[in-house]
Amino acid sequence: MLSLCLIGSLLGITGCTEKLQGYDTDTVLKIYGNAELCDEDTSEAKRIAEQYAKCLFDVENGNVDEKQLEKLAPNESAKDWEDTYSSNQTESELKGFSVADIYTEKSEEIQCLTICEAEYSDWSTPKDIYLFIVRMDMKKSNDGWYIQSSDLTGTARKSEVKVVRDDFTGTIKFVTRGGETK
């Protein structure tokens, strides 16, 4: 894979792919953008994204790991998260996680598009296994990478969809078992 990346960068292509772990799909991780990202930064971004996903989706009785959240995403308020989770009666357990895209405009700013699988329920959502597509904007400081902001871009019941990469746009999306985009 490394030689594929090196050949691509020699040809002026700044993309690289690898298989997503834990998903029965042909979707691959895509690393692309206008700046090079070293393997160490890529690994660190994946690690932080996974820990942040645990903060988002490992929720019991509305509790959030405040210290972990503060370390990973200093702009987020654990109190606001706890208030929201408590008022919505959210229960969630992270079951699976993969980074689908890493896009870098500058070497110290990246976007990660992640796929999270969780057993989830709240006051209006019945307990089931759901898939979530979450975009995480990360920035590198002297202390390392941190989450600057995040956005939930897709949610679906796992039994009803498959995760795919659009052939034309390259975006990650859900497609219903019947073939419709969700």
Foldseek 3Di string as FASTA:
>chain_A
DVVVCVVCVVVVFRWDWACWPPAPDRQIEIEGEDDHEDPVQVVVVFVLVVLVVCQVFQADQLAGPQVSCCVAEVVDDRVVSSVVCNVFVKHKDWDDKTWRYWYDHYRFKIKTWMKTWMQIDTPPRDGAIKIWIKIFIWGQDPVGIHTHDMDTDDMDGPVFWHWDQDPPPRHIFTAGPVGHTD
